[in-house]
Amino acid sequence: MTLAIQPRDAVSGSVLMVDLVVSRPDSWLSPHQTAVKPAMVREMIAGALASGWQPFHATGPFFYKYPLIRDCS
């Protein structure tokens, strides 16, 4: 599953593409109830910024991995 993040006020810029390293929750092969919470999105943004993401520069998408822990309950 991939999450796309971009600044709300940016006319042009780089989209952050976060690879969550899990399948979609509704996958019939491997269903799960994993949630993406606001605190996690803040961590993703902070990690991507530390890794060089420049959200206000039109440089194309920036790819970042943030592995979620699957909740199989």
C-alpha atoms as a PDB file:
ATOM      1  CA  MET A   1       0.000   0.000   0.000  1.00  0.00           C
ATOM      2  CA  THR A   2       1.294   3.467  -0.871  1.00  0.00           C
ATOM      3  CA  LEU A   3       0.377   6.772   0.741  1.00  0.00           C
ATOM      4  CA  ALA A   4       0.822  10.053  -1.172  1.00  0.00           C
ATOM      5  CA  ILE A   5       1.522  13.233   0.817  1.00  0.00           C
ATOM      6  CA  GLN A   6       1.992  16.786  -0.422  1.00  0.00           C
ATOM      7  CA  PRO A   7       1.829  20.248   1.127  1.00  0.00           C
ATOM      8  CA  ARG A   8      -1.654  21.729   1.096  1.00  0.00           C
ATOM      9  CA  ASP A   9      -0.497  25.168  -0.078  1.00  0.00           C
ATOM     10  CA  ALA A  10       2.022  24.027  -2.688  1.00  0.00           C
ATOM     11  CA  VAL A  11       1.134  24.960  -6.268  1.00  0.00           C
ATOM     12  CA  SER A  12       3.942  22.768  -7.538  1.00  0.00           C
ATOM     13  CA  GLY A  13       6.310  20.652  -5.589  1.00  0.00           C
ATOM     14  CA  SER A  14       7.434  17.147  -4.820  1.00  0.00           C
ATOM     15  CA  VAL A  15       4.891  14.538  -3.771  1.00  0.00           C
ATOM     16  CA  LEU A  16       6.020  12.201  -0.993  1.00  0.00           C
ATOM     17  CA  MET A  17       5.210   8.597  -1.942  1.00  0.00           C
ATOM     18  CA  VAL A  18       5.344   6.437   1.203  1.00  0.00           C
ATOM     19  CA  ASP A  19       5.632   2.667   0.734  1.00  0.00           C
ATOM     20  CA  LEU A  20       3.913   1.185   3.805  1.00  0.00           C
ATOM     21  CA  VAL A  21       5.254  -2.312   3.000  1.00  0.00           C
ATOM     22  CA  VAL A  22       1.852  -3.942   3.600  1.00  0.00           C
ATOM     23  CA  SER A  23      -0.965  -4.990   1.323  1.00  0.00           C
ATOM     24  CA  ARG A  24      -4.262  -3.130   1.284  1.00  0.00           C
ATOM     25  CA  PRO A  25      -6.434  -4.019   4.299  1.00  0.00           C
ATOM     26  CA  ASP A  26      -9.173  -5.355   2.025  1.00  0.00           C
ATOM     27  CA  SER A  27      -6.868  -7.787   0.223  1.00  0.00           C
ATOM     28  CA  TRP A  28      -8.585 -11.169   0.006  1.00  0.00           C
ATOM     29  CA  LEU A  29      -5.209 -12.939   0.081  1.00  0.00           C
ATOM     30  CA  SER A  30      -4.039 -11.411   3.341  1.00  0.00           C
ATOM     31  CA  PRO A  31      -6.694  -9.280   5.084  1.00  0.00           C
ATOM     32  CA  HIS A  32      -5.736  -7.166   8.080  1.00  0.00           C
ATOM     33  CA  GLN A  33      -6.962  -4.135  10.028  1.00  0.00           C
ATOM     34  CA  THR A  34      -3.786  -2.045  10.081  1.00  0.00           C
ATOM     35  CA  ALA A  35      -4.455   1.672  10.616  1.00  0.00           C
ATOM     36  CA  VAL A  36      -2.494   4.756   9.567  1.00  0.00           C
ATOM     37  CA  LYS A  37      -2.791   7.316  12.367  1.00  0.00           C
ATOM     38  CA  PRO A  38      -1.981  11.061  12.301  1.00  0.00           C
ATOM     39  CA  ALA A  39       1.088  10.552  14.519  1.00  0.00           C
ATOM     40  CA  MET A  40       2.414   8.032  11.993  1.00  0.00           C
ATOM     41  CA  VAL A  41       1.937  10.528   9.151  1.00  0.00           C
ATOM     42  CA  ARG A  42       3.926  13.098  11.159  1.00  0.00           C
ATOM     43  CA  GLU A  43       6.716  10.504  11.591  1.00  0.00           C
ATOM     44  CA  MET A  44       6.651   9.745   7.856  1.00  0.00           C
ATOM     45  CA  ILE A  45       6.968  13.428   6.977  1.00  0.00           C
ATOM     46  CA  ALA A  46       9.754  14.018   9.521  1.00  0.00           C
ATOM     47  CA  GLY A  47      11.660  10.950   8.318  1.00  0.00           C
ATOM     48  CA  ALA A  48      11.299  11.905   4.669  1.00  0.00           C
ATOM     49  CA  LEU A  49      12.456  15.476   5.380  1.00  0.00           C
ATOM     50  CA  ALA A  50      15.497  14.088   7.223  1.00  0.00           C
ATOM     51  CA  SER A  51      16.169  11.851   4.210  1.00  0.00           C
ATOM     52  CA  GLY A  52      16.165  14.774   1.788  1.00  0.00           C
ATOM     53  CA  TRP A  53      12.557  15.317   0.695  1.00  0.00           C
ATOM     54  CA  GLN A  54      12.074  18.916  -0.438  1.00  0.00           C
ATOM     55  CA  PRO A  55       8.297  19.371  -0.620  1.00  0.00           C
ATOM     56  CA  PHE A  56       8.355  22.860  -2.155  1.00  0.00           C
ATOM     57  CA  HIS A  57      10.792  22.022  -4.986  1.00  0.00           C
ATOM     58  CA  ALA A  58       9.332  20.646  -8.223  1.00  0.00           C
ATOM     59  CA  THR A  59      11.650  17.648  -8.432  1.00  0.00           C
ATOM     60  CA  GLY A  60       9.199  14.819  -9.061  1.00  0.00           C
ATOM     61  CA  PRO A  61       8.019  12.265  -6.511  1.00  0.00           C
ATOM     62  CA  PHE A  62      10.159  11.373  -3.494  1.00  0.00           C
ATOM     63  CA  PHE A  63       9.964   7.710  -2.463  1.00  0.00           C
ATOM     64  CA  TYR A  64      10.211   6.748   1.208  1.00  0.00           C
ATOM     65  CA  LYS A  65       9.652   3.438   3.051  1.00  0.00           C
ATOM     66  CA  TYR A  66       7.763   3.335   6.342  1.00  0.00           C
ATOM     67  CA  PRO A  67       6.987  -0.300   7.208  1.00  0.00           C
ATOM     68  CA  LEU A  68       3.757  -0.684   9.162  1.00  0.00           C
ATOM     69  CA  ILE A  69       3.250  -3.488  11.649  1.00  0.00           C
ATOM     70  CA  ARG A  70       0.312  -5.572  10.464  1.00  0.00           C
ATOM     71  CA  ASP A  71      -2.567  -5.995  12.864  1.00  0.00           C
ATOM     72  CA  CYS A  72      -3.976  -9.433  12.077  1.00  0.00           C
ATOM     73  CA  SER A  73      -6.497  -9.505  14.932  1.00  0.00           C
END
